[in-house]
């Protein structure tokens, strides 16, 4: 019975994670994250 609970919890977490990832794509969050990564590389690390 314990394995079944673990399976349900894991599956639920994976489904919720997928929903949040899709929500981020719909809100165009990928562009924001990419811009922040570029700024970190250019400012903090000193590339470019």
N, C-alpha and C. Protein backbone atom coordinates (compact mmCIF):
# COMPACT_ATOMS: atom_id res chain seq x y z
N UNK A 1 0.82 -1.19 0.00
CA UNK A 1 0.00 0.00 0.00
C UNK A 1 0.87 1.27 0.00
N UNK A 2 2.01 1.20 0.66
CA UNK A 2 2.89 2.36 0.73
C UNK A 2 3.43 2.72 -0.65
N UNK A 3 3.74 1.72 -1.47
CA UNK A 3 4.24 1.98 -2.82
C UNK A 3 3.20 2.67 -3.68
N UNK A 4 1.93 2.33 -3.46
CA UNK A 4 0.87 2.95 -4.23
C UNK A 4 0.76 4.44 -3.88
N UNK A 5 0.91 4.79 -2.60
CA UNK A 5 0.86 6.19 -2.19
C UNK A 5 2.02 6.97 -2.80
N UNK A 6 3.22 6.37 -2.81
CA UNK A 6 4.38 7.02 -3.41
C UNK A 6 4.14 7.26 -4.90
N UNK A 7 3.59 6.28 -5.56
CA UNK A 7 3.30 6.40 -6.99
C UNK A 7 2.32 7.54 -7.25
N UNK A 8 1.27 7.62 -6.45
CA UNK A 8 0.27 8.67 -6.63
C UNK A 8 0.88 10.05 -6.38
N UNK A 9 1.68 10.17 -5.32
CA UNK A 9 2.31 11.46 -5.01
C UNK A 9 3.27 11.86 -6.12
N UNK A 10 4.09 10.95 -6.57
CA UNK A 10 5.04 11.25 -7.65
C UNK A 10 4.33 11.65 -8.92
N UNK A 11 3.30 10.92 -9.28
CA UNK A 11 2.56 11.22 -10.50
C UNK A 11 1.88 12.59 -10.40
N UNK A 12 1.33 12.89 -9.25
CA UNK A 12 0.68 14.19 -9.04
C UNK A 12 1.69 15.32 -9.17
N UNK A 13 2.85 15.16 -8.58
CA UNK A 13 3.88 16.19 -8.67
C UNK A 13 4.34 16.39 -10.10
N UNK A 14 4.50 15.32 -10.84
CA UNK A 14 4.91 15.42 -12.25
C UNK A 14 3.84 16.15 -13.07
N UNK A 15 2.58 15.84 -12.83
CA UNK A 15 1.50 16.49 -13.57
C UNK A 15 1.44 17.98 -13.24
N UNK A 16 1.54 18.32 -11.96
CA UNK A 16 1.52 19.73 -11.56
C UNK A 16 2.71 20.47 -12.16
N UNK A 17 3.88 19.83 -12.17
CA UNK A 17 5.06 20.45 -12.77
C UNK A 17 4.84 20.73 -14.24
N UNK A 18 4.27 19.77 -14.95
CA UNK A 18 3.99 19.96 -16.36
C UNK A 18 3.02 21.10 -16.62
N UNK A 19 2.03 21.23 -15.75
CA UNK A 19 1.07 22.32 -15.89
C UNK A 19 1.77 23.67 -15.72
N UNK A 20 2.64 23.77 -14.72
CA UNK A 20 3.36 25.02 -14.51
C UNK A 20 4.31 25.33 -15.66
N UNK A 21 4.95 24.33 -16.22
CA UNK A 21 5.84 24.54 -17.36
C UNK A 21 5.04 25.06 -18.56
N UNK A 22 3.91 24.44 -18.83
CA UNK A 22 3.06 24.91 -19.93
C UNK A 22 2.55 26.33 -19.67
N UNK A 23 2.22 26.63 -18.43
CA UNK A 23 1.77 27.98 -18.08
C UNK A 23 2.87 29.00 -18.36
N UNK A 24 4.11 28.64 -18.05
CA UNK A 24 5.24 29.52 -18.33
C UNK A 24 5.42 29.75 -19.82
N UNK A 25 5.25 28.71 -20.61
CA UNK A 25 5.35 28.87 -22.07
C UNK A 25 4.26 29.79 -22.60
N UNK A 26 3.06 29.65 -22.08
CA UNK A 26 1.94 30.47 -22.54
C UNK A 26 2.19 31.94 -22.20
N UNK A 27 2.79 32.20 -21.04
CA UNK A 27 3.06 33.59 -20.61
C UNK A 27 4.36 34.14 -21.18
N UNK A 28 5.03 33.38 -22.03
CA UNK A 28 6.28 33.77 -22.66
C UNK A 28 7.39 34.00 -21.64
N UNK A 29 7.41 33.20 -20.59
CA UNK A 29 8.43 33.30 -19.55
C UNK A 29 9.79 32.83 -20.07
N UNK A 30 9.82 32.04 -21.12
CA UNK A 30 11.10 31.57 -21.65
C UNK A 30 11.94 32.74 -22.14
N UNK A 31 11.30 33.73 -22.72
CA UNK A 31 12.01 34.92 -23.19
C UNK A 31 12.61 35.69 -22.02
N UNK A 32 11.89 35.80 -20.94
CA UNK A 32 12.38 36.52 -19.76
C UNK A 32 13.57 35.79 -19.16
N UNK A 33 13.48 34.48 -19.04
CA UNK A 33 14.58 33.70 -18.47
C UNK A 33 15.82 33.80 -19.37
N UNK A 34 15.62 33.74 -20.68
CA UNK A 34 16.75 33.85 -21.60
C UNK A 34 17.43 35.22 -21.47
N UNK A 35 16.64 36.26 -21.38
CA UNK A 35 17.22 37.60 -21.23
C UNK A 35 17.99 37.74 -19.93
N UNK A 36 17.49 37.18 -18.86
CA UNK A 36 18.20 37.23 -17.58
C UNK A 36 19.50 36.45 -17.65
N UNK A 37 19.49 35.31 -18.33
CA UNK A 37 20.72 34.51 -18.47
C UNK A 37 21.76 35.27 -19.28
N UNK A 38 21.33 35.96 -20.33
CA UNK A 38 22.27 36.75 -21.13
C UNK A 38 22.87 37.87 -20.29
N UNK A 39 22.04 38.53 -19.49
CA UNK A 39 22.54 39.62 -18.65
C UNK A 39 23.54 39.11 -17.62
N UNK A 40 23.29 37.95 -17.04
CA UNK A 40 24.23 37.39 -16.08
C UNK A 40 25.57 37.11 -16.75
N UNK A 41 25.54 36.54 -17.94
CA UNK A 41 26.78 36.24 -18.65
C UNK A 41 27.55 37.51 -19.00
N UNK A 42 26.84 38.53 -19.42
CA UNK A 42 27.52 39.74 -19.87
C UNK A 42 28.00 40.59 -18.71
N UNK A 43 27.28 40.63 -17.61
CA UNK A 43 27.63 41.51 -16.50
C UNK A 43 28.50 40.83 -15.45
N UNK A 44 28.08 39.69 -14.98
CA UNK A 44 28.76 39.08 -13.83
C UNK A 44 30.00 38.29 -14.25
N UNK A 45 29.88 37.49 -15.26
CA UNK A 45 30.98 36.62 -15.66
C UNK A 45 31.96 37.38 -16.54
N UNK A 46 31.49 38.35 -17.26
CA UNK A 46 32.36 39.19 -18.08
C UNK A 46 32.56 38.70 -19.49
N UNK A 47 31.66 37.89 -19.99
CA UNK A 47 31.75 37.46 -21.38
C UNK A 47 31.29 38.60 -22.28
N UNK A 48 31.88 38.67 -23.45
CA UNK A 48 31.46 39.67 -24.41
C UNK A 48 32.14 40.92 -24.20
